[in-house]
Protein backbone atom coordinates (compact mmCIF):
# COMPACT_ATOMS: atom_id res chain seq x y z
CA MET A 1 -13.51 6.76 -26.82
CA ALA A 2 -10.18 7.31 -25.11
CA VAL A 3 -9.47 10.21 -27.50
CA LEU A 4 -12.88 11.72 -26.73
CA GLY A 5 -12.25 11.36 -23.02
CA ARG A 6 -8.87 13.09 -23.27
CA ALA A 7 -10.42 15.91 -25.33
CA ILE A 8 -13.17 16.47 -22.78
CA LEU A 9 -10.64 16.42 -19.96
CA ALA A 10 -8.42 18.94 -21.76
CA VAL A 11 -11.32 21.39 -22.26
CA VAL A 12 -12.46 21.00 -18.67
CA ARG A 13 -8.94 21.69 -17.43
CA SER A 14 -8.77 24.73 -19.71
CA PHE A 15 -12.01 26.01 -18.23
CA HIS A 16 -10.72 25.63 -14.70
CA TYR A 17 -7.51 27.42 -15.65
CA TRP A 18 -9.49 30.20 -17.34
CA HIS A 19 -11.90 30.47 -14.42
CA THR A 20 -9.11 30.82 -11.85
CA ARG A 21 -7.33 33.45 -13.93
CA HIS A 22 -10.40 35.40 -15.09
CA MET A 23 -10.81 37.45 -11.91
CA GLN A 24 -7.12 38.30 -11.86
CA VAL A 25 -7.17 39.45 -15.50
CA SER A 26 -10.37 41.46 -14.99
CA LEU A 27 -8.97 43.21 -11.93
CA LEU A 28 -5.72 44.01 -13.73
CA LEU A 29 -7.54 45.46 -16.74
CA ALA A 30 -9.88 47.49 -14.53
CA LEU A 31 -6.91 48.99 -12.67
CA LEU A 32 -5.17 49.73 -15.97
CA GLY A 33 -8.32 51.47 -17.25
CA LEU A 34 -8.55 53.51 -14.05
CA VAL A 35 -4.90 54.57 -14.36
CA THR A 36 -5.28 55.64 -17.98
CA MET A 37 -8.48 57.57 -17.19
CA THR A 38 -6.83 59.53 -14.38
CA ALA A 39 -3.80 60.22 -16.53
CA GLY A 40 -5.83 62.54 -18.70
CA PRO A 41 -6.21 62.74 -22.49
CA PRO A 42 -6.37 60.96 -24.78
CA SER A 43 -9.45 59.45 -23.16
CA SER A 44 -9.81 56.83 -25.91
CA LEU A 45 -6.78 55.04 -24.44
CA ALA A 46 -8.80 54.22 -21.33
CA LYS A 47 -11.40 52.42 -23.41
CA ILE A 48 -8.92 49.79 -24.61
CA PRO A 49 -8.61 47.89 -21.29
CA MET A 50 -12.38 48.14 -20.84
CA ALA A 51 -12.95 46.61 -24.26
CA ILE A 52 -10.48 43.82 -23.54
CA GLU A 53 -12.19 43.10 -20.21
CA HIS A 54 -15.53 42.97 -22.02
CA TRP A 55 -14.27 40.30 -24.40
CA VAL A 56 -12.62 38.43 -21.56
CA HIS A 57 -16.01 38.31 -19.84
CA ILE A 58 -17.69 37.03 -23.02
CA GLY A 59 -14.97 34.38 -23.39
CA SER A 60 -15.56 33.26 -19.83
CA GLN A 61 -19.27 32.85 -20.51
CA ILE A 62 -18.53 30.78 -23.62
CA PHE A 63 -16.17 28.58 -21.65
CA PHE A 64 -18.74 28.15 -18.88
CA GLY A 65 -21.42 27.13 -21.38
CA SER A 66 -19.04 24.69 -23.06
CA TYR A 67 -18.15 23.29 -19.64
CA LEU A 68 -21.79 22.51 -18.85
CA VAL A 69 -22.32 20.89 -22.26
CA LEU A 70 -19.19 18.75 -21.91
CA ILE A 71 -20.11 17.65 -18.39
CA GLY A 72 -23.46 16.46 -19.75
CA ALA A 73 -21.77 14.74 -22.69
CA GLY A 74 -19.25 13.12 -20.35
CA ARG A 75 -21.98 11.67 -18.17
CA PHE A 76 -23.80 10.40 -21.27
CA VAL A 77 -20.63 8.70 -22.49
CA ALA A 78 -19.85 7.27 -19.04
CA ARG A 79 -23.24 5.53 -18.89
CA ARG A 80 -22.61 3.73 -22.17
CA TRP A 81 -18.89 2.98 -22.15
CA PRO A 82 -16.86 1.49 -19.32
CA PRO A 83 -14.18 3.53 -17.54
CA PRO A 84 -10.73 3.34 -19.21
CA ILE A 85 -9.38 1.30 -16.29
CA ILE A 86 -11.79 -1.62 -16.86
CA PRO A 87 -9.65 -3.19 -19.62
CA LEU A 88 -6.70 -3.05 -17.21
CA VAL A 89 -8.80 -4.89 -14.62
CA THR A 90 -10.16 -7.59 -16.91
CA ALA A 91 -7.18 -8.22 -19.23
CA ASN A 92 -3.91 -9.83 -18.17
CA PRO A 93 -0.27 -9.18 -19.07
CA GLN A 94 1.39 -11.96 -21.04
CA PRO A 95 4.53 -13.72 -19.80
CA VAL A 96 7.80 -13.40 -21.72
CA ASP A 97 9.51 -16.33 -19.99
CA THR A 98 7.71 -19.41 -18.63
CA ALA A 99 10.83 -21.51 -18.08
CA ASP A 100 12.36 -19.51 -15.22
CA ALA A 101 12.67 -21.61 -12.06
CA SER A 102 11.53 -18.71 -9.87
CA GLY A 103 8.22 -18.34 -11.72
CA TRP A 104 6.87 -16.84 -14.91
CA ILE A 105 8.49 -13.58 -15.93
CA PHE A 106 6.55 -10.57 -17.23
CA GLU A 107 7.77 -7.27 -18.66
CA ASP A 108 6.40 -3.74 -18.83
CA SER A 109 6.97 -1.05 -21.46
CA GLN A 110 10.21 0.01 -19.76
CA ARG A 111 11.71 -3.49 -19.97
CA CYS A 112 11.43 -4.06 -16.24
CA ARG A 113 10.86 -7.71 -15.31
CA TYR A 114 8.16 -8.87 -12.89
CA ARG A 115 7.24 -12.09 -11.11
CA PHE A 116 4.57 -13.15 -8.63
CA ARG A 117 5.11 -15.14 -5.45
CA TYR A 118 3.77 -15.73 -1.97
CA ALA A 119 5.06 -13.49 0.80
CA ARG A 120 7.77 -14.44 3.24
CA THR A 121 8.38 -13.20 6.77
CA ALA A 122 10.98 -10.72 5.52
CA ASP A 123 8.35 -9.14 3.25
CA LEU A 124 6.07 -7.98 6.08
CA LYS A 125 8.00 -4.71 6.34
CA SER A 126 7.22 -4.02 2.66
CA PHE A 127 3.51 -4.56 3.35
CA VAL A 128 3.58 -1.84 6.00
CA GLU A 129 5.70 0.56 3.92
CA LEU A 130 3.53 0.29 0.81
CA ALA A 131 0.28 0.49 2.77
CA MET A 132 1.52 3.54 4.67
CA SER A 133 2.56 5.22 1.40
CA ASP A 134 -1.08 5.30 0.27
CA PRO A 135 -2.80 8.38 1.80
CA ALA A 136 -6.27 6.83 1.42
CA ILE A 137 -5.26 3.78 3.46
CA VAL A 138 -3.57 5.95 6.08
CA MET A 139 -6.70 8.10 6.47
CA THR A 140 -8.99 5.05 6.68
CA TYR A 141 -6.87 3.35 9.34
CA SER A 142 -5.41 6.40 11.05
CA TYR A 143 -5.89 4.75 14.45
CA LEU A 144 -3.21 2.14 13.68
CA SER A 145 0.49 2.80 14.14
CA PRO A 146 3.14 1.16 11.90
CA ASP A 147 3.99 -1.27 14.72
CA GLU A 148 0.33 -2.24 15.02
CA TRP A 149 0.20 -2.82 11.26
CA VAL A 150 3.19 -5.14 11.52
CA GLY A 151 1.33 -7.03 14.26
CA VAL A 152 -1.79 -7.38 12.07
CA TYR A 153 0.14 -8.66 9.05
CA ARG A 154 2.26 -10.97 11.19
CA ARG A 155 -0.91 -12.47 12.71
CA TRP A 156 -2.48 -13.02 9.30
CA PHE A 157 0.75 -14.53 7.98
CA GLY A 158 0.82 -16.90 10.93
CA ILE A 159 -2.79 -17.96 10.36
CA LEU A 160 -2.58 -18.47 6.59
CA PRO A 161 0.74 -17.62 4.88
CA THR A 162 -0.82 -17.89 1.41
CA SER A 163 -3.14 -14.96 2.19
CA LEU A 164 -0.20 -12.61 1.53
CA ALA A 165 1.46 -12.30 -1.88
CA VAL A 166 3.90 -9.91 -3.55
CA LEU A 167 4.82 -8.66 -7.00
CA GLU A 168 8.57 -8.33 -7.49
CA ARG A 169 10.31 -6.09 -10.02
CA GLN A 170 13.79 -6.32 -11.50
CA THR A 171 15.26 -3.35 -13.35
CA GLU A 172 17.95 -3.58 -16.01
CA SER A 173 20.24 -1.27 -14.06
CA THR A 174 20.28 -3.09 -10.71
CA GLN A 175 19.42 -6.71 -11.66
CA GLN A 176 18.02 -7.01 -8.14
CA TRP A 177 14.50 -8.17 -7.31
CA ASN A 178 12.53 -5.76 -5.09
CA VAL A 179 8.93 -5.80 -3.88
CA ALA A 180 6.84 -3.51 -6.11
CA ALA A 181 3.31 -4.38 -4.90
CA VAL A 182 1.62 -6.38 -2.16
CA SER A 183 -1.70 -8.17 -1.94
CA ILE A 184 -3.82 -9.65 0.85
CA VAL A 185 -6.65 -12.02 -0.08
CA ALA A 186 -8.33 -13.63 2.90
CA PRO A 187 -10.69 -16.60 2.40
CA LEU A 188 -13.36 -16.15 5.06
CA SER A 189 -15.06 -18.85 7.05
CA PRO A 190 -18.89 -18.69 7.25
CA ARG A 191 -18.60 -17.33 10.80
CA GLY A 192 -15.95 -14.79 9.80
CA ALA A 193 -18.02 -13.56 6.85
CA GLU A 194 -21.07 -13.13 9.07
CA GLN A 195 -19.11 -11.21 11.71
CA LEU A 196 -17.61 -8.85 9.14
CA TRP A 197 -20.91 -8.33 7.30
CA THR A 198 -22.81 -7.50 10.50
CA GLY A 199 -20.06 -5.23 11.81
CA GLU A 200 -19.33 -7.39 14.83
CA ILE A 201 -15.63 -7.20 13.99
CA GLY A 202 -13.40 -5.17 11.68
CA THR A 203 -10.85 -6.44 9.19
CA VAL A 204 -7.96 -5.77 11.57
CA ASP A 205 -9.66 -8.09 14.09
CA ILE A 206 -9.64 -11.10 11.77
CA GLY A 207 -8.19 -14.13 13.52
CA ALA A 208 -7.95 -17.88 13.10
CA GLY A 209 -11.67 -18.33 13.62
CA GLN A 210 -12.56 -15.99 10.77
CA VAL A 211 -10.24 -17.47 8.12
CA SER A 212 -11.18 -20.54 6.11
CA ARG A 213 -8.56 -23.24 5.63
CA GLY A 214 -10.88 -25.44 3.59
CA HIS A 215 -10.36 -26.40 -0.02
CA LYS A 216 -13.43 -24.61 -1.33
CA PRO A 217 -14.10 -21.32 0.49
CA THR A 218 -16.81 -19.19 -1.06
CA VAL A 219 -16.20 -15.71 0.40
CA PHE A 220 -12.97 -13.82 -0.25
CA LEU A 221 -11.93 -10.49 1.20
CA LEU A 222 -9.55 -8.53 -1.05
CA ASP A 223 -8.18 -6.59 1.87
CA LEU A 224 -5.11 -4.91 0.41
CA LEU A 225 -3.56 -4.04 -2.94
CA ALA A 226 -0.81 -1.46 -2.67
CA SER A 227 2.16 -0.64 -4.89
CA ASP A 228 4.95 1.87 -5.18
CA ARG A 229 4.63 4.87 -7.50
CA ARG A 230 6.59 3.27 -10.29
CA GLY A 231 4.18 0.33 -10.33
CA GLN A 232 1.15 2.62 -10.37
CA LYS A 233 2.47 4.63 -13.33
CA ALA A 234 4.44 2.16 -15.44
CA ALA A 235 2.77 -1.19 -14.73
CA PRO A 236 -0.82 -0.77 -13.45
CA GLN A 237 -1.97 -3.89 -15.32
CA MET A 238 0.76 -5.90 -13.57
CA VAL A 239 -0.33 -4.59 -10.16
CA LEU A 240 -3.99 -5.39 -10.81
CA ALA A 241 -3.02 -8.85 -12.05
CA LEU A 242 -1.46 -9.53 -8.65
CA SER A 243 -4.87 -9.52 -6.96
CA LYS A 244 -6.40 -11.71 -9.67
CA ALA A 245 -3.57 -14.23 -9.60
CA HIS A 246 -3.61 -14.27 -5.81
CA LEU A 247 -7.37 -14.88 -5.76
CA ALA A 248 -7.11 -17.56 -8.45
CA HIS A 249 -4.65 -19.54 -6.34
CA HIS A 250 -7.18 -19.62 -3.53
CA ARG A 251 -10.03 -20.62 -5.82
CA ASP A 252 -10.69 -20.42 -9.53
CA PRO A 253 -14.21 -19.03 -10.21
CA TRP A 254 -14.31 -20.63 -13.68
CA PRO A 255 -16.76 -21.49 -15.11
CA ASN A 256 -19.71 -21.07 -12.71
CA HIS A 257 -18.41 -21.62 -9.21
CA LYS A 258 -20.43 -19.79 -6.60
CA MET A 259 -18.26 -17.33 -4.71
CA GLU A 260 -18.26 -13.80 -3.33
CA ILE A 261 -15.53 -11.19 -3.63
CA TRP A 262 -15.56 -8.42 -1.01
CA ILE A 263 -13.71 -5.13 -1.32
CA GLU A 264 -13.59 -2.10 0.94
CA PRO A 265 -13.04 0.87 -1.42
CA VAL A 266 -10.78 3.37 0.33
CA HIS A 267 -10.32 5.44 -2.85
CA ARG A 268 -13.12 7.74 -4.01
CA ALA A 269 -13.04 6.58 -7.63
CA LEU A 270 -13.24 2.89 -6.76
CA PRO A 271 -17.01 2.56 -6.07
CA LYS A 272 -17.93 3.62 -9.63
CA LEU A 273 -15.47 1.13 -11.06
CA LEU A 274 -16.80 -1.66 -8.84
CA GLU A 275 -20.39 -0.89 -9.80
CA ALA A 276 -19.45 -0.98 -13.49
CA ILE A 277 -18.07 -4.49 -13.00
CA GLY A 278 -21.19 -5.67 -11.15
CA PHE A 279 -20.32 -5.22 -7.47
CA GLU A 280 -23.24 -4.55 -5.15
CA GLY A 281 -23.03 -1.89 -2.47
CA PRO A 282 -22.35 0.03 -0.47
CA HIS A 283 -22.96 -2.12 2.60
CA VAL A 284 -22.09 0.04 5.60
CA THR A 285 -21.19 -1.40 9.00
CA SER A 286 -19.85 0.21 12.14
CA HIS A 287 -16.32 -0.60 10.95
CA HIS A 288 -16.31 -0.66 7.15
CA THR A 289 -18.08 -0.03 3.87
CA PHE A 290 -18.09 -3.12 1.68
CA TYR A 291 -18.88 -3.82 -1.96
CA ARG A 292 -19.33 -7.44 -3.02
CA LEU A 293 -19.43 -9.31 -6.30
CA LEU A 294 -21.69 -12.37 -6.35
CA LEU A 295 -20.48 -14.91 -8.90
CA PRO A 296 -21.81 -16.10 -11.24
CA LEU A 297 -23.43 -12.76 -12.04
CA ARG A 298 -27.11 -13.41 -12.63
CA GLY A 299 -30.33 -11.47 -12.23
CA ILE A 300 -32.36 -8.97 -14.19
CA HIS A 301 -31.09 -6.02 -12.14
CA TYR A 302 -27.64 -6.36 -13.76
CA SER A 303 -27.07 -4.63 -17.08
CA GLN A 304 -25.63 -6.48 -20.06
CA ARG A 305 -22.47 -4.41 -19.73
CA GLN A 306 -22.04 -5.49 -16.11
CA LYS A 307 -22.56 -9.14 -17.00
CA HIS A 308 -20.09 -8.91 -19.86
CA THR A 309 -17.47 -7.14 -17.72
CA ALA A 310 -17.89 -9.63 -14.87
CA ALA A 311 -17.51 -12.51 -17.34
CA GLU A 312 -14.29 -10.96 -18.67
CA LEU A 313 -13.01 -10.57 -15.09
CA VAL A 314 -13.77 -14.22 -14.31
CA ARG A 315 -12.01 -15.27 -17.50
CA GLY A 316 -8.99 -13.20 -16.50
CA ILE A 317 -8.88 -14.74 -13.00
CA HIS A 318 -9.16 -18.21 -14.54
CA GLU A 319 -6.18 -17.46 -16.80
CA CYS A 320 -4.15 -16.37 -13.76
CA ALA A 321 -4.78 -19.74 -12.08
CA ASN A 322 -2.14 -21.21 -14.42
CA TRP A 323 0.56 -18.83 -13.25
CA PRO A 324 2.92 -20.57 -10.82
CA PHE A 325 3.34 -19.06 -7.36
CA LYS A 326 6.52 -19.90 -5.47
């Protein structure tokens, strides 16, 4: 299915390229025909650009028809097969070293090494930098300055330090560990969940009264997952595993623990992915738009694909619960 998806995407891109160039080519050929007509005999020379323009027009119509057919085929395929990113969300990377004192070590295709750990005070600057490097986050929270972001993260860190976690990367060239991705998972108290759900407060207003310090919280807000460009391109599975491992160390949903996972999708493509997994939404408040996953996933309104995907996600989170966090 990945090959079919790439083929459809290639044709659609070709259509867009053709469509944007068609008017330019047609205008150029029309001007060339006009020049040759005014130049005098032989008049048959003027018919050549006209004939080319005619076939260009026919080619454009063929491309347009193919575009409509492929769009329909793409939607048909999308309803029956999950998006390509779903396996990245549900599956986990495998460690290459479980004896390292600093935590389990993972590797990507470029031989870079990764490890997961809880955040420290010195990491708060990385949270702001990576969040501010994401245009979607900047547009959603445009009313906050970098200094205000530091204040928000510092407050959350003071309330519950384990609500902030990082993914570190070590390259072969530098041998130095640097923050590649950051995660915020906030376990919400019953009062905090109600206030967020009703729109009484926003996520940046979360304080000590909204965070649960109990052993078995049931509502979790996945507030932030941001990475640098290298992490997005070379190790997306590692970045996504950060959120799962972070959540698992708050509470393992395996096998049938009742819990809710809340996400505010700031990226346009995220709602479709969340719906494919089984998230319900959108739930719109005066501050945010939330999607939530109710575990265990039950009910006749869920498709078999959603139930299967949610089960794979829960299994992946459960596996991450064994990864040590330092």
